[in-house]
N, C-alpha and C. Protein backbone atom coordinates (compact mmCIF):
# COMPACT_ATOMS: atom_id res chain seq x y z
N MET A 1 63.72 43.24 44.60
CA MET A 1 63.30 43.29 43.68
C MET A 1 62.03 42.99 43.12
N LEU A 2 62.01 41.31 43.41
CA LEU A 2 61.02 40.89 43.05
C LEU A 2 59.71 40.97 44.02
N PHE A 3 60.13 41.29 45.53
CA PHE A 3 58.89 41.53 46.43
C PHE A 3 58.16 42.80 46.18
N LEU A 4 58.98 44.13 45.64
CA LEU A 4 58.36 45.35 45.22
C LEU A 4 57.83 44.88 44.05
N GLN A 5 58.19 44.24 43.14
CA GLN A 5 57.32 44.11 41.74
C GLN A 5 55.88 43.37 41.94
N GLY A 6 56.13 42.30 42.64
CA GLY A 6 54.99 41.23 43.13
C GLY A 6 53.98 42.16 43.66
N ALA A 7 54.14 42.86 44.81
CA ALA A 7 53.21 43.28 45.64
C ALA A 7 52.56 44.81 44.95
N ALA A 8 53.56 45.64 44.21
CA ALA A 8 53.25 46.50 43.33
C ALA A 8 52.13 46.13 41.85
N ARG A 9 52.59 45.22 41.55
CA ARG A 9 52.11 44.69 40.34
C ARG A 9 51.59 43.06 40.06
N PRO A 10 50.54 42.99 41.04
CA PRO A 10 50.29 41.19 40.63
C PRO A 10 49.62 40.63 40.00
N LYS A 11 49.45 41.74 38.60
CA LYS A 11 49.24 40.97 37.26
C LYS A 11 50.40 40.76 36.25
N GLY A 12 51.62 41.25 37.04
CA GLY A 12 53.22 41.00 36.28
C GLY A 12 53.72 39.66 36.22
N LEU A 13 55.00 39.81 35.85
CA LEU A 13 55.67 38.13 36.00
C LEU A 13 55.83 37.92 37.33
N ALA A 14 56.33 39.09 38.34
CA ALA A 14 56.59 38.64 39.99
C ALA A 14 55.48 38.66 40.31
N GLY A 15 54.45 39.04 40.14
CA GLY A 15 53.01 38.92 41.04
C GLY A 15 52.57 37.34 40.51
N ALA A 16 53.02 37.10 39.34
CA ALA A 16 52.40 35.53 38.66
C ALA A 16 53.31 34.64 39.95
N CYS A 17 54.69 35.01 40.17
CA CYS A 17 55.36 34.31 40.89
C CYS A 17 54.66 33.67 42.68
N PHE A 18 54.14 35.03 42.86
CA PHE A 18 53.41 34.91 44.23
C PHE A 18 51.96 34.48 44.25
N ALA A 19 51.60 34.41 43.05
CA ALA A 19 50.35 33.67 42.74
C ALA A 19 50.58 32.25 43.06
N LEU A 20 51.64 31.56 42.32
CA LEU A 20 52.11 30.48 42.24
C LEU A 20 52.19 30.00 44.05
N PHE A 21 52.85 30.97 44.54
CA PHE A 21 53.10 31.12 46.12
C PHE A 21 51.92 30.56 46.84
N GLU A 22 50.97 31.52 46.60
CA GLU A 22 49.59 31.44 47.46
C GLU A 22 49.08 29.93 47.12
N ILE A 23 49.00 29.67 46.20
CA ILE A 23 48.16 28.15 45.81
C ILE A 23 49.23 27.10 46.07
N GLY A 24 50.43 27.34 46.60
CA GLY A 24 51.12 26.24 46.94
C GLY A 24 52.11 25.29 45.69
N LEU A 25 52.04 26.08 44.61
CA LEU A 25 52.64 25.36 43.75
C LEU A 25 54.51 25.60 44.16
N VAL A 26 54.65 26.58 44.71
CA VAL A 26 56.08 26.81 44.81
C VAL A 26 56.09 27.45 46.50
N ARG A 27 57.54 27.37 47.25
CA ARG A 27 57.66 27.42 48.39
C ARG A 27 59.00 28.69 48.36
N LEU A 28 58.41 29.48 49.45
CA LEU A 28 59.24 30.90 49.75
C LEU A 28 59.83 30.44 50.91
N CYS A 29 61.24 30.80 51.01
CA CYS A 29 61.82 30.46 52.27
C CYS A 29 62.54 32.28 52.84
N LEU A 30 62.16 32.46 53.85
CA LEU A 30 62.70 33.68 54.26
C LEU A 30 63.51 33.67 55.76
N SER A 31 64.19 34.51 55.56
CA SER A 31 64.52 34.74 57.32
C SER A 31 64.47 36.12 57.79
N ALA A 32 64.21 36.34 59.15
CA ALA A 32 63.61 37.22 59.80
C ALA A 32 64.81 38.40 59.10
N GLU A 33 66.05 38.57 58.86
CA GLU A 33 66.34 39.60 58.13
C GLU A 33 66.32 40.08 56.94
N ILE A 34 65.76 38.93 55.88
CA ILE A 34 65.14 39.31 54.74
C ILE A 34 63.86 39.63 54.70
N PHE A 35 63.19 39.55 55.89
CA PHE A 35 61.81 39.93 55.91
C PHE A 35 61.70 41.42 56.09
N GLU A 36 62.39 41.67 56.99
CA GLU A 36 62.72 42.84 57.71
C GLU A 36 62.84 43.79 56.57
N GLU A 37 63.50 43.50 55.54
CA GLU A 37 64.41 44.10 54.47
C GLU A 37 62.87 44.48 53.82
N ILE A 38 62.25 43.37 53.54
CA ILE A 38 61.02 43.86 52.68
C ILE A 38 60.28 44.54 53.07
N GLN A 39 59.84 44.55 54.38
CA GLN A 39 59.18 45.18 54.78
C GLN A 39 59.66 46.55 54.86
N ASP A 40 60.71 47.13 55.13
CA ASP A 40 61.38 48.64 54.87
C ASP A 40 61.37 49.13 53.34
N VAL A 41 61.56 48.03 52.50
CA VAL A 41 61.32 48.74 51.24
C VAL A 41 59.86 48.91 50.75
N LEU A 42 58.99 48.01 51.25
CA LEU A 42 57.52 48.18 50.90
C LEU A 42 56.75 49.25 51.64
N SER A 43 57.90 50.27 52.45
CA SER A 43 57.00 50.97 53.23
C SER A 43 57.57 52.06 52.98
N ARG A 44 58.79 52.40 52.29
CA ARG A 44 59.41 53.35 51.38
C ARG A 44 58.77 54.57 51.06
N PRO A 45 58.43 55.85 51.34
CA PRO A 45 57.78 56.92 51.02
C PRO A 45 57.81 57.14 49.29
N ALA A 46 58.89 56.98 48.88
CA ALA A 46 59.48 57.39 47.36
C ALA A 46 58.85 56.31 46.90
N LEU A 47 59.03 54.91 47.22
CA LEU A 47 58.45 53.80 46.60
C LEU A 47 56.76 53.94 46.30
N ARG A 48 56.37 54.24 47.54
CA ARG A 48 55.07 54.36 47.60
C ARG A 48 54.42 55.25 46.92
N HIS A 49 55.15 56.43 46.50
CA HIS A 49 54.74 57.85 45.57
C HIS A 49 54.94 56.71 44.15
N LYS A 50 55.79 56.31 43.87
CA LYS A 50 56.13 55.64 42.43
C LYS A 50 55.25 54.32 42.09
N PHE A 51 55.02 53.64 43.04
CA PHE A 51 53.78 52.68 43.02
C PHE A 51 52.62 53.10 43.72
N ARG A 52 51.78 53.78 43.27
CA ARG A 52 50.26 54.19 43.82
C ARG A 52 49.56 52.91 44.30
N SER A 53 49.84 51.78 44.01
CA SER A 53 48.87 50.55 44.15
C SER A 53 49.62 49.94 45.81
N LEU A 54 50.81 50.65 46.12
CA LEU A 54 51.07 50.17 47.06
C LEU A 54 50.73 51.08 48.51
N THR A 55 49.23 50.53 48.89
CA THR A 55 48.62 51.03 49.86
C THR A 55 49.18 50.55 51.39
N ASP A 56 48.45 50.87 52.15
CA ASP A 56 48.96 50.07 53.43
C ASP A 56 48.27 48.73 53.58
N ASP A 57 47.09 48.86 53.25
CA ASP A 57 46.29 47.72 53.07
C ASP A 57 46.65 46.50 52.47
N LEU A 58 47.00 46.71 50.99
CA LEU A 58 47.73 45.86 50.17
C LEU A 58 48.90 45.49 50.81
N VAL A 59 50.16 46.04 51.21
CA VAL A 59 51.32 45.92 52.00
C VAL A 59 51.19 45.01 52.81
N GLU A 60 50.16 45.39 53.90
CA GLU A 60 49.91 44.30 55.15
C GLU A 60 49.47 42.98 54.38
N ARG A 61 48.56 42.73 53.64
CA ARG A 61 47.91 41.65 53.13
C ARG A 61 49.22 41.03 52.56
N PHE A 62 50.01 41.36 51.58
CA PHE A 62 51.11 41.19 51.01
C PHE A 62 52.29 40.25 52.38
N LEU A 63 52.46 41.25 52.74
CA LEU A 63 53.38 40.67 54.22
C LEU A 63 52.81 39.32 55.00
N ASP A 64 51.51 39.36 55.16
CA ASP A 64 50.92 38.80 56.13
C ASP A 64 50.96 37.24 55.51
N SER A 65 50.47 37.34 53.96
CA SER A 65 50.50 36.06 53.13
C SER A 65 52.04 35.30 53.42
N ALA A 66 53.00 36.52 52.97
CA ALA A 66 54.25 35.81 53.16
C ALA A 66 54.64 35.35 54.48
N ARG A 67 54.45 36.17 55.45
CA ARG A 67 54.89 35.70 56.94
C ARG A 67 54.24 34.04 57.09
N SER A 68 52.88 34.03 56.84
CA SER A 68 52.21 33.06 57.44
C SER A 68 52.50 31.88 56.55
N ARG A 69 52.94 31.90 55.31
CA ARG A 69 53.28 30.81 54.65
C ARG A 69 54.70 30.59 54.25
N ALA A 70 55.44 30.87 54.39
CA ALA A 70 56.77 30.97 53.97
C ALA A 70 57.31 29.92 55.06
N ILE A 71 58.31 29.25 54.72
CA ILE A 71 59.16 28.75 55.21
C ILE A 71 60.49 29.46 56.16
N TRP A 72 60.09 29.25 57.31
CA TRP A 72 61.41 30.13 57.83
C TRP A 72 62.49 29.56 58.05
N ILE A 73 63.79 30.22 58.03
CA ILE A 73 65.05 29.83 57.91
C ILE A 73 65.50 30.59 59.34
N PRO A 74 66.38 29.77 60.35
CA PRO A 74 66.99 30.54 61.34
C PRO A 74 68.17 31.48 60.57
N SER A 75 68.41 32.40 61.61
CA SER A 75 69.33 33.71 61.39
C SER A 75 70.44 33.15 60.26
N VAL A 76 70.73 34.16 59.15
CA VAL A 76 71.24 33.28 58.75
C VAL A 76 72.74 34.86 58.39
N ALA A 77 73.84 34.15 58.50
CA ALA A 77 75.16 34.89 58.58
C ALA A 77 75.41 35.79 57.29
N PRO A 78 75.83 37.04 57.26
CA PRO A 78 76.01 37.90 56.49
C PRO A 78 77.33 36.86 55.43
N ARG A 79 77.11 36.98 54.04
CA ARG A 79 78.00 36.31 53.16
C ARG A 79 79.53 37.35 52.61
N PHE A 80 78.26 38.62 51.99
CA PHE A 80 79.62 39.32 52.12
C PHE A 80 78.83 40.81 51.63
N GLU A 81 79.44 42.02 51.67
CA GLU A 81 78.89 43.13 51.34
C GLU A 81 79.07 43.98 49.91
N PHE A 82 77.85 44.23 49.41
CA PHE A 82 77.30 44.81 48.53
C PHE A 82 77.93 46.34 48.01
N ALA A 83 79.34 46.77 47.81
CA ALA A 83 79.59 47.94 47.77
C ALA A 83 78.87 49.16 47.19
N ARG A 84 77.88 48.83 45.95
CA ARG A 84 76.84 49.84 45.79
C ARG A 84 75.76 50.02 46.75
N ASP A 85 75.70 49.20 47.82
CA ASP A 85 74.30 49.80 48.70
C ASP A 85 75.22 50.77 49.42
N PRO A 86 74.57 51.94 49.46
CA PRO A 86 74.84 53.24 50.61
C PRO A 86 74.84 52.60 51.77
N GLU A 87 74.13 52.11 51.99
CA GLU A 87 74.04 51.67 53.90
C GLU A 87 74.73 50.64 54.13
N GLY A 88 75.56 49.81 53.49
CA GLY A 88 76.20 49.15 53.45
C GLY A 88 75.71 47.83 54.03
N ARG A 89 74.44 47.27 53.81
CA ARG A 89 73.60 46.47 54.15
C ARG A 89 74.41 44.69 53.64
N PRO A 90 74.79 44.14 54.73
CA PRO A 90 74.91 42.56 54.25
C PRO A 90 74.46 41.93 53.14
N VAL A 91 74.81 41.22 52.06
CA VAL A 91 73.64 40.07 51.40
C VAL A 91 74.24 39.17 51.94
N TYR A 92 73.00 38.40 52.15
CA TYR A 92 72.77 37.03 52.93
C TYR A 92 72.85 35.79 51.93
N GLN A 93 73.60 34.78 52.31
CA GLN A 93 73.50 33.57 51.50
C GLN A 93 72.88 32.61 52.38
N PRO A 94 71.32 32.37 52.18
CA PRO A 94 70.92 31.41 52.81
C PRO A 94 71.62 29.97 52.85
N GLY A 95 71.51 29.26 53.55
CA GLY A 95 72.00 27.94 53.45
C GLY A 95 73.38 28.01 53.86
N ASP A 96 74.22 28.89 54.13
CA ASP A 96 75.51 29.05 54.46
C ASP A 96 75.58 29.24 55.90
N ARG A 97 75.41 28.33 56.61
CA ARG A 97 75.58 28.75 58.06
C ARG A 97 76.63 27.40 58.29
N GLY A 98 77.49 26.75 57.82
CA GLY A 98 77.91 25.61 57.92
C GLY A 98 77.37 24.25 57.92
N GLY A 99 76.74 24.38 56.76
CA GLY A 99 76.05 22.82 56.91
C GLY A 99 74.77 22.65 57.09
N SER A 100 73.84 24.12 57.45
CA SER A 100 72.74 24.36 57.54
C SER A 100 71.95 23.67 56.11
N GLU A 101 70.68 23.28 56.30
CA GLU A 101 70.49 22.61 55.11
C GLU A 101 69.07 23.12 54.93
N PHE A 102 67.94 23.59 53.59
CA PHE A 102 67.02 24.14 53.56
C PHE A 102 66.13 22.42 53.53
N PRO A 103 64.61 22.78 54.32
CA PRO A 103 63.71 21.65 54.17
C PRO A 103 63.65 21.33 52.52
N ARG A 104 64.00 20.17 51.82
CA ARG A 104 63.72 19.87 50.58
C ARG A 104 62.78 18.99 50.25
N GLN A 105 61.88 18.98 49.16
CA GLN A 105 60.79 18.35 48.92
C GLN A 105 61.16 17.18 48.25
N PRO A 106 61.16 16.00 48.60
CA PRO A 106 61.28 14.93 47.50
C PRO A 106 60.91 14.86 46.11
N ARG A 107 61.83 14.56 45.18
CA ARG A 107 61.59 14.71 43.91
C ARG A 107 61.02 13.51 43.20
């Protein structure tokens, strides 16, 4: 939801989160599975119809920014399945790969 709102409404709160990411004040961690889901959601015709601001150009720029600036995490094993998801897609829990660690910034 954060990605949809951030892309569709850049002046909203989710958009502000991505603005902080763009200027390097926060980091975004992604896996290939999560990125594919974001691409899928942002290209759905029903959402494009509802959020007219989601043009091909805007979505491509949004995804390019995330792709080029994110911290990429190796493939993540499914943690559990969310029963309300009609397609039965698993929910991923980053860092739950038997001891894998996120890169952490010193405090």
